[in-house]
């Protein structure tokens, strides 16, 4: 597994969160509102917020479903890779960063004492670089 593959999975999960938030906002905007009881006469204009936003809601639902399917396709490979990491702290770092989409600072705070943003990031990259080197050696060795 490469850093690019892990970051792609993380980006998909972040995009899904944004799409779900937009969908929720569209649904909230389309919900009927209470009429303003000002006592003033109103014009005869008619506005259907639900109808106006129905197309956008349907398209956003399709986008959310597509993102969920793409994430499901890559999630199994990412989780298998993370489970293969021998060090428990590194497994936690990988899960927090690439499955839960936390920032490096948040990961460092959750991993514990003596860990900074730089140390958890360096540990991750060092492991990925060593795995890449090991994979290349396996491919070259007869």
Protein backbone atom coordinates (compact mmCIF):
# COMPACT_ATOMS: atom_id res chain seq x y z
CA UNK A 1 0.00 0.00 0.00
CA UNK A 2 1.39 3.40 -0.94
CA UNK A 3 0.94 6.80 0.63
CA UNK A 4 -0.94 7.91 -2.48
CA UNK A 5 -3.45 5.06 -2.11
CA UNK A 6 -3.94 5.83 1.59
CA UNK A 7 -4.37 9.54 0.90
CA UNK A 8 -6.84 8.82 -1.89
CA UNK A 9 -8.95 6.78 0.54
CA UNK A 10 -8.72 9.53 3.16
CA UNK A 11 -9.71 12.16 0.59
CA UNK A 12 -12.74 10.08 -0.44
CA UNK A 13 -13.88 9.85 3.18
CA UNK A 14 -13.42 13.62 3.65
CA UNK A 15 -15.35 14.28 0.43
CA UNK A 16 -18.16 12.02 1.66
CA UNK A 17 -18.40 14.00 4.90
CA UNK A 18 -18.67 17.26 2.96
CA UNK A 19 -21.28 15.79 0.57
CA UNK A 20 -23.36 14.45 3.47
CA UNK A 21 -23.22 17.87 5.13
CA UNK A 22 -24.34 19.59 1.92
CA UNK A 23 -27.17 17.07 1.52
CA UNK A 24 -28.31 17.75 5.09
CA UNK A 25 -28.22 21.50 4.41
CA UNK A 26 -30.26 21.09 1.21
CA UNK A 27 -32.86 19.01 3.04
CA UNK A 28 -33.07 21.58 5.82
CA UNK A 29 -33.48 24.40 3.30
CA UNK A 30 -36.26 22.47 1.54
CA UNK A 31 -38.26 21.85 4.69
CA UNK A 32 -41.40 23.94 5.03
CA UNK A 33 -41.02 27.09 7.09
CA UNK A 34 -43.62 28.72 9.27
CA UNK A 35 -45.39 31.60 7.60
CA UNK A 36 -44.50 35.05 8.83
CA UNK A 37 -47.57 36.41 10.63
CA UNK A 38 -47.01 40.12 10.19
CA UNK A 39 -50.59 41.11 9.47
CA UNK A 40 -49.47 42.68 6.22
CA UNK A 41 -50.97 41.51 2.94
CA UNK A 42 -48.78 39.29 0.79
CA UNK A 43 -48.35 39.06 -2.92
CA UNK A 44 -49.90 36.26 -4.89
CA UNK A 45 -46.50 34.81 -5.86
CA UNK A 46 -46.07 31.15 -5.15
CA UNK A 47 -42.76 29.53 -4.28
CA UNK A 48 -42.16 25.83 -3.82
CA UNK A 49 -38.83 25.43 -2.00
CA UNK A 50 -39.13 21.65 -1.89
CA UNK A 51 -39.78 21.46 -5.61
CA UNK A 52 -37.04 23.97 -6.40
CA UNK A 53 -34.46 21.97 -4.44
CA UNK A 54 -35.67 18.46 -5.33
CA UNK A 55 -33.27 18.09 -8.26
CA UNK A 56 -30.29 19.25 -6.20
CA UNK A 57 -31.24 16.90 -3.36
CA UNK A 58 -31.57 13.94 -5.75
CA UNK A 59 -28.23 14.69 -7.39
CA UNK A 60 -26.50 15.08 -4.03
CA UNK A 61 -28.00 11.77 -2.84
CA UNK A 62 -26.59 10.10 -5.96
CA UNK A 63 -23.18 11.65 -5.27
CA UNK A 64 -23.24 10.45 -1.64
CA UNK A 65 -24.15 6.92 -2.74
CA UNK A 66 -21.38 6.91 -5.36
CA UNK A 67 -18.82 8.04 -2.78
CA UNK A 68 -19.99 5.38 -0.32
CA UNK A 69 -19.55 2.70 -3.00
CA UNK A 70 -16.04 3.93 -3.88
CA UNK A 71 -15.07 3.98 -0.21
CA UNK A 72 -16.40 0.46 0.31
CA UNK A 73 -14.23 -0.72 -2.60
CA UNK A 74 -11.03 0.68 -1.11
CA UNK A 75 -11.83 0.24 2.60
CA UNK A 76 -11.15 -3.49 2.64
CA UNK A 77 -7.66 -3.12 1.15
CA UNK A 78 -6.79 -0.22 3.46
CA UNK A 79 -7.99 -2.08 6.56
CA UNK A 80 -6.10 -5.24 5.51
CA UNK A 81 -2.94 -3.16 5.17
CA UNK A 82 -3.46 -1.53 8.57
CA UNK A 83 -4.07 -4.91 10.22
CA UNK A 84 -0.77 -6.13 8.73
CA UNK A 85 1.23 -3.40 10.52
CA UNK A 86 3.08 -5.13 13.36
CA UNK A 87 3.40 -2.20 15.76
CA UNK A 88 0.24 -1.37 17.74
CA UNK A 89 1.01 2.36 17.88
CA UNK A 90 1.60 2.53 14.14
CA UNK A 91 -1.68 0.69 13.51
CA UNK A 92 -3.44 3.31 15.62
CA UNK A 93 -1.71 6.14 13.74
CA UNK A 94 -2.77 4.67 10.38
CA UNK A 95 -6.38 4.14 11.52
CA UNK A 96 -6.73 7.63 12.98
CA UNK A 97 -5.19 9.34 9.97
CA UNK A 98 -6.49 7.34 7.02
CA UNK A 99 -9.77 5.86 8.29
CA UNK A 100 -10.98 8.55 10.71
CA UNK A 101 -9.41 11.39 8.63
CA UNK A 102 -7.87 13.22 11.58
CA UNK A 103 -5.14 15.82 11.16
CA UNK A 104 -1.59 14.89 12.17
CA UNK A 105 -1.95 17.11 15.25
CA UNK A 106 -5.14 15.34 16.30
CA UNK A 107 -3.49 11.96 15.75
CA UNK A 108 -0.53 12.99 17.92
CA UNK A 109 -2.85 14.13 20.69
CA UNK A 110 -4.72 10.82 20.70
CA UNK A 111 -1.68 8.56 20.40
CA UNK A 112 -0.29 9.86 23.64
CA UNK A 113 2.64 11.23 25.55
CA UNK A 114 5.86 12.24 23.78
CA UNK A 115 4.18 12.31 20.38
CA UNK A 116 4.02 15.42 18.27
CA UNK A 117 2.59 16.08 14.86
CA UNK A 118 6.09 15.63 13.42
CA UNK A 119 6.82 12.34 15.19
CA UNK A 120 3.60 10.57 14.18
CA UNK A 121 3.90 11.82 10.61
CA UNK A 122 7.55 10.72 10.43
CA UNK A 123 6.71 7.30 11.88
CA UNK A 124 4.01 6.80 9.25
CA UNK A 125 6.19 7.90 6.34
CA UNK A 126 9.19 5.92 7.59
CA UNK A 127 7.08 2.75 7.77
CA UNK A 128 5.63 3.31 4.30
CA UNK A 129 9.11 3.94 2.86
CA UNK A 130 10.46 0.76 4.45
CA UNK A 131 7.49 -1.24 3.11
CA UNK A 132 8.08 0.17 -0.38
CA UNK A 133 11.78 -0.73 -0.21
CA UNK A 134 10.95 -4.24 1.04
CA UNK A 135 8.43 -4.73 -1.76
CA UNK A 136 10.98 -3.64 -4.37
CA UNK A 137 13.55 -6.02 -2.92
CA UNK A 138 11.07 -8.92 -3.04
CA UNK A 139 10.37 -8.12 -6.70
CA UNK A 140 14.09 -8.01 -7.61
CA UNK A 141 15.24 -11.02 -5.58
CA UNK A 142 15.03 -14.29 -7.57
